Amino acid sequence: METAAKLSTLGSILAQRCPRCRMGRIFRYSIFRGFPKMCERCSICDLTFEREPGYFLGAMYISYFLGVLIMAPIAALLWALTGWGITKVIIGAVLLFLPLAPTITLFARVLWIYLDQGIDPQRLH
């Protein structure tokens, strides 16, 4: 079911909607239900989500950046609150981060599509 009104940019990123029309879905179902398959094109405006092979390499860097942004505070909190050594802190931070990794990877893809569309937009034909 598509939304009738366009979402804000942040709202459409969180809802995993097309960056051009902000109504079509990027994934076939919500990323909170597992690791979903991406749609090839927007069902509303026909925007191609994966422009070329290897297109999502940039999303890997975004995912890495988001992972560091999340793991650094987790590690700092573990170190400050528990007084553990560095090895235990790293292991604890990784174990707390692992359940978030698939969701971060998928959101990195959405952010990459939005960034790419903002820099080099695909025009309507």
PDB file of N, CA and C in Angstrom:
ATOM      1  N   MET A   1       0.845  -1.176   0.000  1.00  0.00           N
ATOM      2  CA  MET A   1       0.000   0.000   0.000  1.00  0.00           C
ATOM      3  C   MET A   1       0.890   1.239   0.000  1.00  0.00           C
ATOM      4  N   GLU A   2       0.711   2.117  -0.955  1.00  0.00           N
ATOM      5  CA  GLU A   2       1.529   3.312  -1.098  1.00  0.00           C
ATOM      6  C   GLU A   2       0.898   4.467  -0.326  1.00  0.00           C
ATOM      7  N   THR A   3       1.770   5.348   0.193  1.00  0.00           N
ATOM      8  CA  THR A   3       1.259   6.518   0.888  1.00  0.00           C
ATOM      9  C   THR A   3       0.752   7.535  -0.118  1.00  0.00           C
ATOM     10  N   ALA A   4      -0.288   8.244   0.253  1.00  0.00           N
ATOM     11  CA  ALA A   4      -0.900   9.207  -0.659  1.00  0.00           C
ATOM     12  C   ALA A   4      -0.073  10.482  -0.763  1.00  0.00           C
ATOM     13  N   ALA A   5       0.528  10.923   0.330  1.00  0.00           N
ATOM     14  CA  ALA A   5       1.309  12.156   0.329  1.00  0.00           C
ATOM     15  C   ALA A   5       2.797  11.835   0.378  1.00  0.00           C
ATOM     16  N   LYS A   6       3.595  12.720  -0.202  1.00  0.00           N
ATOM     17  CA  LYS A   6       5.044  12.542  -0.165  1.00  0.00           C
ATOM     18  C   LYS A   6       5.552  12.746   1.254  1.00  0.00           C
ATOM     19  N   LEU A   7       6.553  11.964   1.616  1.00  0.00           N
ATOM     20  CA  LEU A   7       7.182  12.084   2.919  1.00  0.00           C
ATOM     21  C   LEU A   7       8.321  13.091   2.842  1.00  0.00           C
ATOM     22  N   SER A   8       8.786  13.566   3.998  1.00  0.00           N
ATOM     23  CA  SER A   8       9.986  14.394   4.028  1.00  0.00           C
ATOM     24  C   SER A   8      11.177  13.518   3.651  1.00  0.00           C
ATOM     25  N   THR A   9      12.321  14.131   3.401  1.00  0.00           N
ATOM     26  CA  THR A   9      13.505  13.353   3.033  1.00  0.00           C
ATOM     27  C   THR A   9      13.867  12.370   4.137  1.00  0.00           C
ATOM     28  N   LEU A  10      13.933  12.833   5.374  1.00  0.00           N
ATOM     29  CA  LEU A  10      14.268  11.941   6.483  1.00  0.00           C
ATOM     30  C   LEU A  10      13.212  10.856   6.643  1.00  0.00           C
ATOM     31  N   GLY A  11      11.953  11.230   6.538  1.00  0.00           N
ATOM     32  CA  GLY A  11      10.874  10.252   6.646  1.00  0.00           C
ATOM     33  C   GLY A  11      10.935   9.207   5.554  1.00  0.00           C
ATOM     34  N   SER A  12      11.266   9.633   4.340  1.00  0.00           N
ATOM     35  CA  SER A  12      11.330   8.671   3.239  1.00  0.00           C
ATOM     36  C   SER A  12      12.563   7.782   3.335  1.00  0.00           C
ATOM     37  N   ILE A  13      13.658   8.286   3.910  1.00  0.00           N
ATOM     38  CA  ILE A  13      14.831   7.435   4.148  1.00  0.00           C
ATOM     39  C   ILE A  13      14.474   6.375   5.180  1.00  0.00           C
ATOM     40  N   LEU A  14      13.866   6.789   6.285  1.00  0.00           N
ATOM     41  CA  LEU A  14      13.497   5.840   7.338  1.00  0.00           C
ATOM     42  C   LEU A  14      12.449   4.839   6.862  1.00  0.00           C
ATOM     43  N   ALA A  15      11.576   5.259   5.962  1.00  0.00           N
ATOM     44  CA  ALA A  15      10.546   4.368   5.422  1.00  0.00           C
ATOM     45  C   ALA A  15      11.046   3.580   4.213  1.00  0.00           C
ATOM     46  N   GLN A  16      12.303   3.793   3.823  1.00  0.00           N
ATOM     47  CA  GLN A  16      12.936   3.125   2.672  1.00  0.00           C
ATOM     48  C   GLN A  16      12.132   3.341   1.396  1.00  0.00           C
ATOM     49  N   ARG A  17      11.860   4.604   1.086  1.00  0.00           N
ATOM     50  CA  ARG A  17      11.093   4.966  -0.105  1.00  0.00           C
ATOM     51  C   ARG A  17      12.017   5.530  -1.180  1.00  0.00           C
ATOM     52  N   CYS A  18      11.542   5.544  -2.386  1.00  0.00           N
ATOM     53  CA  CYS A  18      12.275   6.042  -3.549  1.00  0.00           C
ATOM     54  C   CYS A  18      12.720   7.491  -3.330  1.00  0.00           C
ATOM     55  N   PRO A  19      13.974   7.837  -3.682  1.00  0.00           N
ATOM     56  CA  PRO A  19      14.428   9.212  -3.481  1.00  0.00           C
ATOM     57  C   PRO A  19      13.819  10.221  -4.456  1.00  0.00           C
ATOM     58  N   ARG A  20      13.309   9.748  -5.579  1.00  0.00           N
ATOM     59  CA  ARG A  20      12.746  10.682  -6.559  1.00  0.00           C
ATOM     60  C   ARG A  20      11.283  11.004  -6.249  1.00  0.00           C
ATOM     61  N   CYS A  21      10.449   9.990  -6.112  1.00  0.00           N
ATOM     62  CA  CYS A  21       9.015  10.242  -5.876  1.00  0.00           C
ATOM     63  C   CYS A  21       8.647  10.143  -4.394  1.00  0.00           C
ATOM     64  N   ARG A  22       9.497   9.516  -3.597  1.00  0.00           N
ATOM     65  CA  ARG A  22       9.297   9.310  -2.155  1.00  0.00           C
ATOM     66  C   ARG A  22       8.041   8.517  -1.828  1.00  0.00           C
ATOM     67  N   MET A  23       7.600   7.723  -2.775  1.00  0.00           N
ATOM     68  CA  MET A  23       6.408   6.914  -2.543  1.00  0.00           C
ATOM     69  C   MET A  23       6.669   5.430  -2.782  1.00  0.00           C
ATOM     70  N   GLY A  24       7.421   5.074  -3.812  1.00  0.00           N
ATOM     71  CA  GLY A  24       7.695   3.676  -4.121  1.00  0.00           C
ATOM     72  C   GLY A  24       8.669   3.060  -3.133  1.00  0.00           C
ATOM     73  N   ARG A  25       8.535   1.764  -2.927  1.00  0.00           N
ATOM     74  CA  ARG A  25       9.397   1.052  -1.981  1.00  0.00           C
ATOM     75  C   ARG A  25      10.738   0.694  -2.620  1.00  0.00           C
ATOM     76  N   ILE A  26      11.824   0.810  -1.826  1.00  0.00           N
ATOM     77  CA  ILE A  26      13.145   0.367  -2.279  1.00  0.00           C
ATOM     78  C   ILE A  26      13.272  -1.136  -2.051  1.00  0.00           C
ATOM     79  N   PHE A  27      12.760  -1.622  -0.924  1.00  0.00           N
ATOM     80  CA  PHE A  27      12.796  -3.048  -0.598  1.00  0.00           C
ATOM     81  C   PHE A  27      11.396  -3.631  -0.723  1.00  0.00           C
ATOM     82  N   ARG A  28      11.325  -4.906  -1.011  1.00  0.00           N
ATOM     83  CA  ARG A  28      10.021  -5.562  -1.194  1.00  0.00           C
ATOM     84  C   ARG A  28       9.204  -5.579   0.098  1.00  0.00           C
ATOM     85  N   TYR A  29       9.882  -5.646   1.241  1.00  0.00           N
ATOM     86  CA  TYR A  29       9.216  -5.557   2.538  1.00  0.00           C
ATOM     87  C   TYR A  29      10.165  -4.883   3.515  1.00  0.00           C
ATOM     88  N   SER A  30       9.692  -4.528   4.682  1.00  0.00           N
ATOM     89  CA  SER A  30      10.445  -3.748   5.657  1.00  0.00           C
ATOM     90  C   SER A  30      11.744  -4.438   6.056  1.00  0.00           C
ATOM     91  N   ILE A  31      12.788  -3.645   6.264  1.00  0.00           N
ATOM     92  CA  ILE A  31      14.067  -4.213   6.678  1.00  0.00           C
ATOM     93  C   ILE A  31      14.009  -4.735   8.109  1.00  0.00           C
ATOM     94  N   PHE A  32      12.964  -4.405   8.829  1.00  0.00           N
ATOM     95  CA  PHE A  32      12.823  -4.892  10.193  1.00  0.00           C
ATOM     96  C   PHE A  32      12.247  -6.307  10.244  1.00  0.00           C
ATOM     97  N   ARG A  33      11.921  -6.877   9.077  1.00  0.00           N
ATOM     98  CA  ARG A  33      11.402  -8.246   9.009  1.00  0.00           C
ATOM     99  C   ARG A  33      12.455  -9.232   8.524  1.00  0.00           C
ATOM    100  N   GLY A  34      13.691  -8.838   8.473  1.00  0.00           N
ATOM    101  CA  GLY A  34      14.752  -9.713   7.987  1.00  0.00           C
ATOM    102  C   GLY A  34      15.558  -9.005   6.918  1.00  0.00           C
ATOM    103  N   PHE A  35      16.318  -9.767   6.145  1.00  0.00           N
ATOM    104  CA  PHE A  35      17.146  -9.185   5.097  1.00  0.00           C
ATOM    105  C   PHE A  35      16.367  -9.253   3.791  1.00  0.00           C
ATOM    106  N   PRO A  36      15.678  -8.178   3.425  1.00  0.00           N
ATOM    107  CA  PRO A  36      14.776  -8.229   2.269  1.00  0.00           C
ATOM    108  C   PRO A  36      15.498  -8.093   0.937  1.00  0.00           C
ATOM    109  N   LYS A  37      14.805  -8.459  -0.101  1.00  0.00           N
ATOM    110  CA  LYS A  37      15.293  -8.306  -1.465  1.00  0.00           C
ATOM    111  C   LYS A  37      14.925  -6.906  -1.949  1.00  0.00           C
ATOM    112  N   MET A  38      15.851  -6.287  -2.675  1.00  0.00           N
ATOM    113  CA  MET A  38      15.590  -4.954  -3.219  1.00  0.00           C
ATOM    114  C   MET A  38      14.746  -5.047  -4.478  1.00  0.00           C
ATOM    115  N   CYS A  39      13.934  -4.045  -4.684  1.00  0.00           N
ATOM    116  CA  CYS A  39      13.234  -3.912  -5.960  1.00  0.00           C
ATOM    117  C   CYS A  39      14.246  -3.392  -6.981  1.00  0.00           C
ATOM    118  N   GLU A  40      14.098  -3.799  -8.235  1.00  0.00           N
ATOM    119  CA  GLU A  40      15.003  -3.299  -9.268  1.00  0.00           C
ATOM    120  C   GLU A  40      14.691  -1.854  -9.609  1.00  0.00           C
ATOM    121  N   ARG A  41      13.408  -1.520  -9.619  1.00  0.00           N
ATOM    122  CA  ARG A  41      12.955  -0.178 -10.000  1.00  0.00           C
ATOM    123  C   ARG A  41      11.843   0.270  -9.059  1.00  0.00           C
ATOM    124  N   CYS A  42      11.644   1.566  -9.024  1.00  0.00           N
ATOM    125  CA  CYS A  42      10.523   2.122  -8.273  1.00  0.00           C
ATOM    126  C   CYS A  42       9.231   1.791  -9.016  1.00  0.00           C
ATOM    127  N   SER A  43       8.249   1.315  -8.295  1.00  0.00           N
ATOM    128  CA  SER A  43       6.969   0.958  -8.919  1.00  0.00           C
ATOM    129  C   SER A  43       6.149   2.193  -9.304  1.00  0.00           C
ATOM    130  N   ILE A  44       6.507   3.351  -8.784  1.00  0.00           N
ATOM    131  CA  ILE A  44       5.764   4.582  -9.066  1.00  0.00           C
ATOM    132  C   ILE A  44       6.405   5.382 -10.210  1.00  0.00           C
ATOM    133  N   CYS A  45       7.710   5.699 -10.085  1.00  0.00           N
ATOM    134  CA  CYS A  45       8.357   6.590 -11.062  1.00  0.00           C
ATOM    135  C   CYS A  45       9.380   5.885 -11.949  1.00  0.00           C
ATOM    136  N   ASP A  46       9.590   4.578 -11.763  1.00  0.00           N
ATOM    137  CA  ASP A  46      10.478   3.761 -12.592  1.00  0.00           C
ATOM    138  C   ASP A  46      11.965   4.101 -12.427  1.00  0.00           C
ATOM    139  N   LEU A  47      12.354   4.685 -11.298  1.00  0.00           N
ATOM    140  CA  LEU A  47      13.762   4.956 -11.019  1.00  0.00           C
ATOM    141  C   LEU A  47      14.498   3.635 -10.833  1.00  0.00           C
ATOM    142  N   THR A  48      15.644   3.465 -11.499  1.00  0.00           N
ATOM    143  CA  THR A  48      16.466   2.266 -11.338  1.00  0.00           C
ATOM    144  C   THR A  48      17.304   2.433 -10.074  1.00  0.00           C
ATOM    145  N   PHE A  49      17.202   1.490  -9.142  1.00  0.00           N
ATOM    146  CA  PHE A  49      17.920   1.613  -7.879  1.00  0.00           C
ATOM    147  C   PHE A  49      19.385   1.200  -7.992  1.00  0.00           C
ATOM    148  N   GLU A  50      19.683   0.173  -8.761  1.00  0.00           N
ATOM    149  CA  GLU A  50      21.073  -0.253  -8.943  1.00  0.00           C
ATOM    150  C   GLU A  50      21.480   0.105 -10.366  1.00  0.00           C
ATOM    151  N   ARG A  51      22.237   1.178 -10.509  1.00  0.00           N
ATOM    152  CA  ARG A  51      22.550   1.712 -11.835  1.00  0.00           C
ATOM    153  C   ARG A  51      23.508   0.836 -12.634  1.00  0.00           C
ATOM    154  N   GLU A  52      24.439   0.171 -11.949  1.00  0.00           N
ATOM    155  CA  GLU A  52      25.454  -0.625 -12.641  1.00  0.00           C
ATOM    156  C   GLU A  52      25.990  -1.677 -11.684  1.00  0.00           C
ATOM    157  N   PRO A  53      26.685  -2.706 -12.199  1.00  0.00           N
ATOM    158  CA  PRO A  53      27.294  -3.700 -11.307  1.00  0.00           C
ATOM    159  C   PRO A  53      28.298  -3.017 -10.369  1.00  0.00           C
ATOM    160  N   GLY A  54      28.291  -3.409  -9.126  1.00  0.00           N
ATOM    161  CA  GLY A  54      29.192  -2.819  -8.140  1.00  0.00           C
ATOM    162  C   GLY A  54      28.728  -1.469  -7.617  1.00  0.00           C
ATOM    163  N   TYR A  55      27.501  -1.105  -7.944  1.00  0.00           N
ATOM    164  CA  TYR A  55      26.959   0.206  -7.575  1.00  0.00           C
ATOM    165  C   TYR A  55      26.974   0.431  -6.062  1.00  0.00           C
ATOM    166  N   PHE A  56      26.737  -0.601  -5.286  1.00  0.00           N
ATOM    167  CA  PHE A  56      26.605  -0.429  -3.843  1.00  0.00           C
ATOM    168  C   PHE A  56      27.923  -0.525  -3.086  1.00  0.00           C
ATOM    169  N   LEU A  57      29.046  -0.415  -3.782  1.00  0.00           N
ATOM    170  CA  LEU A  57      30.343  -0.374  -3.110  1.00  0.00           C
ATOM    171  C   LEU A  57      30.408   0.840  -2.180  1.00  0.00           C
ATOM    172  N   GLY A  58      29.865   1.961  -2.612  1.00  0.00           N
ATOM    173  CA  GLY A  58      29.826   3.156  -1.769  1.00  0.00           C
ATOM    174  C   GLY A  58      29.006   2.942  -0.508  1.00  0.00           C
ATOM    175  N   ALA A  59      27.968   2.118  -0.609  1.00  0.00           N
ATOM    176  CA  ALA A  59      27.145   1.815   0.565  1.00  0.00           C
ATOM    177  C   ALA A  59      27.947   1.053   1.612  1.00  0.00           C
ATOM    178  N   MET A  60      28.935   0.292   1.155  1.00  0.00           N
ATOM    179  CA  MET A  60      29.802  -0.428   2.087  1.00  0.00           C
ATOM    180  C   MET A  60      30.574   0.564   2.962  1.00  0.00           C
ATOM    181  N   TYR A  61      31.050   1.652   2.371  1.00  0.00           N
ATOM    182  CA  TYR A  61      31.772   2.670   3.139  1.00  0.00           C
ATOM    183  C   TYR A  61      30.839   3.393   4.108  1.00  0.00           C
ATOM    184  N   ILE A  62      29.625   3.661   3.681  1.00  0.00           N
ATOM    185  CA  ILE A  62      28.643   4.283   4.572  1.00  0.00           C
ATOM    186  C   ILE A  62      28.334   3.346   5.732  1.00  0.00           C
ATOM    187  N   SER A  63      28.188   2.065   5.446  1.00  0.00           N
ATOM    188  CA  SER A  63      27.923   1.068   6.480  1.00  0.00           C
ATOM    189  C   SER A  63      29.074   1.011   7.487  1.00  0.00           C
ATOM    190  N   TYR A  64      30.293   1.049   6.982  1.00  0.00           N
ATOM    191  CA  TYR A  64      31.469   1.049   7.859  1.00  0.00           C
ATOM    192  C   TYR A  64      31.450   2.286   8.761  1.00  0.00           C
ATOM    193  N   PHE A  65      31.186   3.449   8.181  1.00  0.00           N
ATOM    194  CA  PHE A  65      31.137   4.697   8.938  1.00  0.00           C
ATOM    195  C   PHE A  65      30.059   4.638  10.025  1.00  0.00           C
ATOM    196  N   LEU A  66      28.868   4.162   9.665  1.00  0.00           N
ATOM    197  CA  LEU A  66      27.786   4.044  10.646  1.00  0.00           C
ATOM    198  C   LEU A  66      28.150   3.046  11.744  1.00  0.00           C
ATOM    199  N   GLY A  67      28.815   1.962  11.356  1.00  0.00           N
ATOM    200  CA  GLY A  67      29.246   0.970  12.337  1.00  0.00           C
ATOM    201  C   GLY A  67      30.213   1.554  13.352  1.00  0.00           C
ATOM    202  N   VAL A  68      31.164   2.349  12.877  1.00  0.00           N
ATOM    203  CA  VAL A  68      32.120   2.998  13.781  1.00  0.00           C
ATOM    204  C   VAL A  68      31.400   4.001  14.677  1.00  0.00           C
ATOM    205  N   LEU A  69      30.457   4.749  14.104  1.00  0.00           N
ATOM    206  CA  LEU A  69      29.691   5.714  14.901  1.00  0.00           C
ATOM    207  C   LEU A  69      28.903   5.042  16.025  1.00  0.00           C
ATOM    208  N   ILE A  70      28.481   3.832  15.797  1.00  0.00           N
ATOM    209  CA  ILE A  70      27.716   3.107  16.813  1.00  0.00           C
ATOM    210  C   ILE A  70      28.635   2.369  17.782  1.00  0.00           C
ATOM    211  N   MET A  71      29.672   1.720  17.247  1.00  0.00           N
ATOM    212  CA  MET A  71      30.533   0.897  18.107  1.00  0.00           C
ATOM    213  C   MET A  71      31.430   1.709  19.033  1.00  0.00           C
ATOM    214  N   ALA A  72      31.887   2.870  18.603  1.00  0.00           N
ATOM    215  CA  ALA A  72      32.783   3.669  19.446  1.00  0.00           C
ATOM    216  C   ALA A  72      32.115   4.071  20.766  1.00  0.00           C
ATOM    217  N   PRO A  73      30.900   4.616  20.744  1.00  0.00           N
ATOM    218  CA  PRO A  73      30.260   4.936  22.025  1.00  0.00           C
ATOM    219  C   PRO A  73      29.938   3.696  22.863  1.00  0.00           C
ATOM    220  N   ILE A  74      29.574   2.596  22.188  1.00  0.00           N
ATOM    221  CA  ILE A  74      29.315   1.355  22.928  1.00  0.00           C
ATOM    222  C   ILE A  74      30.579   0.917  23.653  1.00  0.00           C
ATOM    223  N   ALA A  75      31.711   0.925  22.948  1.00  0.00           N
ATOM    224  CA  ALA A  75      32.982   0.520  23.557  1.00  0.00           C
ATOM    225  C   ALA A  75      33.364   1.473  24.686  1.00  0.00           C
ATOM    226  N   ALA A  76      33.177   2.771  24.474  1.00  0.00           N
ATOM    227  CA  ALA A  76      33.515   3.748  25.513  1.00  0.00           C
ATOM    228  C   ALA A  76      32.657   3.541  26.760  1.00  0.00           C
ATOM    229  N   LEU A  77      31.371   3.287  26.562  1.00  0.00           N
ATOM    230  CA  LEU A  77      30.487   3.037  27.707  1.00  0.00           C
ATOM    231  C   LEU A  77      30.867   1.754  28.442  1.00  0.00           C
ATOM    232  N   LEU A  78      31.161   0.701  27.686  1.00  0.00           N
ATOM    233  CA  LEU A  78      31.572  -0.551  28.327  1.00  0.00           C
ATOM    234  C   LEU A  78      32.845  -0.357  29.141  1.00  0.00           C
ATOM    235  N   TRP A  79      33.791   0.369  28.579  1.00  0.00           N
ATOM    236  CA  TRP A  79      35.055   0.600  29.275  1.00  0.00           C
ATOM    237  C   TRP A  79      34.835   1.439  30.530  1.00  0.00           C
ATOM    238  N   ALA A  80      34.015   2.501  30.410  1.00  0.00           N
ATOM    239  CA  ALA A  80      33.783   3.401  31.544  1.00  0.00           C
ATOM    240  C   ALA A  80      32.949   2.743  32.645  1.00  0.00           C
ATOM    241  N   LEU A  81      31.960   1.951  32.254  1.00  0.00           N
ATOM    242  CA  LEU A  81      31.048   1.382  33.247  1.00  0.00           C
ATOM    243  C   LEU A  81      31.540   0.084  33.869  1.00  0.00           C
ATOM    244  N   THR A  82      32.340  -0.678  33.120  1.00  0.00           N
ATOM    245  CA  THR A  82      32.751  -1.986  33.629  1.00  0.00           C
ATOM    246  C   THR A  82      34.199  -2.039  34.081  1.00  0.00           C
ATOM    247  N   GLY A  83      35.039  -1.175  33.534  1.00  0.00           N
ATOM    248  CA  GLY A  83      36.458  -1.221  33.873  1.00  0.00           C
ATOM    249  C   GLY A  83      37.181  -2.401  33.246  1.00  0.00           C
ATOM    250  N   TRP A  84      36.577  -3.022  32.228  1.00  0.00           N
ATOM    251  CA  TRP A  84      37.192  -4.159  31.547  1.00  0.00           C
ATOM    252  C   TRP A  84      38.443  -3.728  30.792  1.00  0.00           C
ATOM    253  N   GLY A  85      39.262  -4.706  30.456  1.00  0.00           N
ATOM    254  CA  GLY A  85      40.412  -4.470  29.591  1.00  0.00           C
ATOM    255  C   GLY A  85      39.948  -4.288  28.152  1.00  0.00           C
ATOM    256  N   ILE A  86      40.868  -3.866  27.297  1.00  0.00           N
ATOM    257  CA  ILE A  86      40.518  -3.547  25.914  1.00  0.00           C
ATOM    258  C   ILE A  86      39.968  -4.755  25.158  1.00  0.00           C
ATOM    259  N   THR A  87      40.497  -5.936  25.414  1.00  0.00           N
ATOM    260  CA  THR A  87      40.030  -7.134  24.709  1.00  0.00           C
ATOM    261  C   THR A  87      38.565  -7.418  25.034  1.00  0.00           C
ATOM    262  N   LYS A  88      38.220  -7.391  26.313  1.00  0.00           N
ATOM    263  CA  LYS A  88      36.829  -7.634  26.709  1.00  0.00           C
ATOM    264  C   LYS A  88      35.901  -6.544  26.191  1.00  0.00           C
ATOM    265  N   VAL A  89      36.365  -5.304  26.194  1.00  0.00           N
ATOM    266  CA  VAL A  89      35.545  -4.192  25.699  1.00  0.00           C
ATOM    267  C   VAL A  89      35.241  -4.381  24.217  1.00  0.00           C
ATOM    268  N   ILE A  90      36.264  -4.733  23.434  1.00  0.00           N
ATOM    269  CA  ILE A  90      36.062  -4.931  21.995  1.00  0.00           C
ATOM    270  C   ILE A  90      35.118  -6.102  21.741  1.00  0.00           C
ATOM    271  N   ILE A  91      35.327  -7.206  22.446  1.00  0.00           N
ATOM    272  CA  ILE A  91      34.447  -8.367  22.278  1.00  0.00           C
ATOM    273  C   ILE A  91      33.010  -8.007  22.669  1.00  0.00           C
ATOM    274  N   GLY A  92      32.845  -7.310  23.779  1.00  0.00           N
ATOM    275  CA  GLY A  92      31.508  -6.898  24.212  1.00  0.00           C
ATOM    276  C   GLY A  92      30.837  -5.961  23.220  1.00  0.00           C
ATOM    277  N   ALA A  93      31.600  -4.997  22.695  1.00  0.00           N
ATOM    278  CA  ALA A  93      31.041  -4.051  21.721  1.00  0.00           C
ATOM    279  C   ALA A  93      30.630  -4.772  20.445  1.00  0.00           C
ATOM    280  N   VAL A  94      31.454  -5.699  19.988  1.00  0.00           N
ATOM    281  CA  VAL A  94      31.122  -6.456  18.772  1.00  0.00           C
ATOM    282  C   VAL A  94      29.864  -7.294  18.997  1.00  0.00           C
ATOM    283  N   LEU A  95      29.770  -7.952  20.140  1.00  0.00           N
ATOM    284  CA  LEU A  95      28.589  -8.777  20.424  1.00  0.00           C
ATOM    285  C   LEU A  95      27.311  -7.936  20.520  1.00  0.00           C
ATOM    286  N   LEU A  96      27.419  -6.731  21.051  1.00  0.00           N
ATOM    287  CA  LEU A  96      26.249  -5.851  21.111  1.00  0.00           C
ATOM    288  C   LEU A  96      25.908  -5.266  19.741  1.00  0.00           C
ATOM    289  N   PHE A  97      26.926  -5.116  18.881  1.00  0.00           N
ATOM    290  CA  PHE A  97      26.728  -4.525  17.559  1.00  0.00           C
ATOM    291  C   PHE A  97      26.185  -5.524  16.536  1.00  0.00           C
ATOM    292  N   LEU A  98      26.543  -6.789  16.646  1.00  0.00           N
ATOM    293  CA  LEU A  98      26.187  -7.789  15.632  1.00  0.00           C
ATOM    294  C   LEU A  98      24.700  -7.833  15.263  1.00  0.00           C
ATOM    295  N   PRO A  99      23.779  -7.765  16.213  1.00  0.00           N
ATOM    296  CA  PRO A  99      22.362  -7.782  15.810  1.00  0.00           C
ATOM    297  C   PRO A  99      21.956  -6.562  14.971  1.00  0.00           C
ATOM    298  N   LEU A 100      22.692  -5.463  15.088  1.00  0.00           N
ATOM    299  CA  LEU A 100      22.363  -4.249  14.335  1.00  0.00           C
ATOM    300  C   LEU A 100      22.960  -4.235  12.931  1.00  0.00           C
ATOM    301  N   ALA A 101      23.965  -5.052  12.679  1.00  0.00           N
ATOM    302  CA  ALA A 101      24.719  -4.994  11.422  1.00  0.00           C
ATOM    303  C   ALA A 101      23.856  -5.151  10.166  1.00  0.00           C
ATOM    304  N   PRO A 102      22.942  -6.118  10.086  1.00  0.00           N
ATOM    305  CA  PRO A 102      22.132  -6.226   8.867  1.00  0.00           C
ATOM    306  C   PRO A 102      21.264  -4.990   8.606  1.00  0.00           C
ATOM    307  N   THR A 103      20.683  -4.439   9.649  1.00  0.00           N
ATOM    308  CA  THR A 103      19.851  -3.249   9.490  1.00  0.00           C
ATOM    309  C   THR A 103      20.694  -2.061   9.043  1.00  0.00           C
ATOM    310  N   ILE A 104      21.884  -1.923   9.608  1.00  0.00           N
ATOM    311  CA  ILE A 104      22.780  -0.829   9.218  1.00  0.00           C
ATOM    312  C   ILE A 104      23.196  -0.978   7.764  1.00  0.00           C
ATOM    313  N   THR A 105      23.468  -2.201   7.332  1.00  0.00           N
ATOM    314  CA  THR A 105      23.854  -2.447   5.942  1.00  0.00           C
ATOM    315  C   THR A 105      22.747  -2.018   4.986  1.00  0.00           C
ATOM    316  N   LEU A 106      21.518  -2.345   5.300  1.00  0.00           N
ATOM    317  CA  LEU A 106      20.403  -1.978   4.431  1.00  0.00           C
ATOM    318  C   LEU A 106      20.136  -0.473   4.449  1.00  0.00           C
ATOM    319  N   PHE A 107      20.227   0.150   5.616  1.00  0.00           N
ATOM    320  CA  PHE A 107      20.061   1.597   5.656  1.00  0.00           C
ATOM    321  C   PHE A 107      21.192   2.298   4.915  1.00  0.00           C
ATOM    322  N   ALA A 108      22.387   1.715   4.923  1.00  0.00           N
ATOM    323  CA  ALA A 108      23.499   2.286   4.157  1.00  0.00           C
ATOM    324  C   ALA A 108      23.181   2.269   2.666  1.00  0.00           C
ATOM    325  N   ARG A 109      22.522   1.221   2.195  1.00  0.00           N
ATOM    326  CA  ARG A 109      22.105   1.176   0.784  1.00  0.00           C
ATOM    327  C   ARG A 109      21.110   2.290   0.475  1.00  0.00           C
ATOM    328  N   VAL A 110      20.159   2.484   1.366  1.00  0.00           N
ATOM    329  CA  VAL A 110      19.169   3.545   1.164  1.00  0.00           C
ATOM    330  C   VAL A 110      19.868   4.908   1.142  1.00  0.00           C
ATOM    331  N   LEU A 111      20.770   5.140   2.095  1.00  0.00           N
ATOM    332  CA  LEU A 111      21.497   6.409   2.129  1.00  0.00           C
ATOM    333  C   LEU A 111      22.333   6.600   0.872  1.00  0.00           C
ATOM    334  N   TRP A 112      22.948   5.530   0.363  1.00  0.00           N
ATOM    335  CA  TRP A 112      23.753   5.613  -0.852  1.00  0.00           C
ATOM    336  C   TRP A 112      22.880   5.988  -2.056  1.00  0.00           C
ATOM    337  N   ILE A 113      21.710   5.387  -2.155  1.00  0.00           N
ATOM    338  CA  ILE A 113      20.797   5.715  -3.254  1.00  0.00           C
ATOM    339  C   ILE A 113      20.395   7.192  -3.173  1.00  0.00           C
ATOM    340  N   TYR A 114      20.091   7.672  -1.969  1.00  0.00           N
ATOM    341  CA  TYR A 114      19.711   9.079  -1.804  1.00  0.00           C
ATOM    342  C   TYR A 114      20.876  10.009  -2.131  1.00  0.00           C
ATOM    343  N   LEU A 115      22.062   9.677  -1.662  1.00  0.00           N
ATOM    344  CA  LEU A 115      23.239  10.495  -1.946  1.00  0.00           C
ATOM    345  C   LEU A 115      23.509  10.546  -3.443  1.00  0.00           C
ATOM    346  N   ASP A 116      23.472   9.396  -4.093  1.00  0.00           N
ATOM    347  CA  ASP A 116      23.726   9.328  -5.527  1.00  0.00           C
ATOM    348  C   ASP A 116      22.661  10.081  -6.316  1.00  0.00           C
ATOM    349  N   GLN A 117      21.418   9.923  -5.945  1.00  0.00           N
ATOM    350  CA  GLN A 117      20.333  10.612  -6.647  1.00  0.00           C
ATOM    351  C   GLN A 117      20.442  12.122  -6.442  1.00  0.00           C
ATOM    352  N   GLY A 118      20.924  12.549  -5.279  1.00  0.00           N
ATOM    353  CA  GLY A 118      21.101  13.978  -5.026  1.00  0.00           C
ATOM    354  C   GLY A 118      22.236  14.579  -5.833  1.00  0.00           C
ATOM    355  N   ILE A 119      23.314  13.803  -6.034  1.00  0.00           N
ATOM    356  CA  ILE A 119      24.481  14.293  -6.774  1.00  0.00           C
ATOM    357  C   ILE A 119      24.285  14.158  -8.278  1.00  0.00           C
ATOM    358  N   ASP A 120      23.783  13.012  -8.715  1.00  0.00           N
ATOM    359  CA  ASP A 120      23.642  12.727 -10.149  1.00  0.00           C
ATOM    360  C   ASP A 120      22.246  12.167 -10.409  1.00  0.00           C
ATOM    361  N   PRO A 121      21.240  13.032 -10.413  1.00  0.00           N
ATOM    362  CA  PRO A 121      19.863  12.532 -10.521  1.00  0.00           C
ATOM    363  C   PRO A 121      19.554  11.892 -11.869  1.00  0.00           C
ATOM    364  N   GLN A 122      18.793  10.810 -11.809  1.00  0.00           N
ATOM    365  CA  GLN A 122      18.250  10.208 -13.026  1.00  0.00           C
ATOM    366  C   GLN A 122      16.983  10.982 -13.353  1.00  0.00           C
ATOM    367  N   ARG A 123      16.891  11.477 -14.536  1.00  0.00           N
ATOM    368  CA  ARG A 123      15.743  12.287 -14.944  1.00  0.00           C
ATOM    369  C   ARG A 123      14.599  11.403 -15.417  1.00  0.00           C
ATOM    370  N   LEU A 124      13.405  11.920 -15.316  1.00  0.00           N
ATOM    371  CA  LEU A 124      12.246  11.234 -15.889  1.00  0.00           C
ATOM    372  C   LEU A 124      12.349  11.291 -17.403  1.00  0.00           C
ATOM    373  N   HIS A 125      11.989  10.206 -18.078  1.00  0.00           N
ATOM    374  CA  HIS A 125      12.074  10.163 -19.547  1.00  0.00           C
ATOM    375  C   HIS A 125      10.824  10.701 -20.166  1.00  0.00           C
TER     376      HIS A 125
END
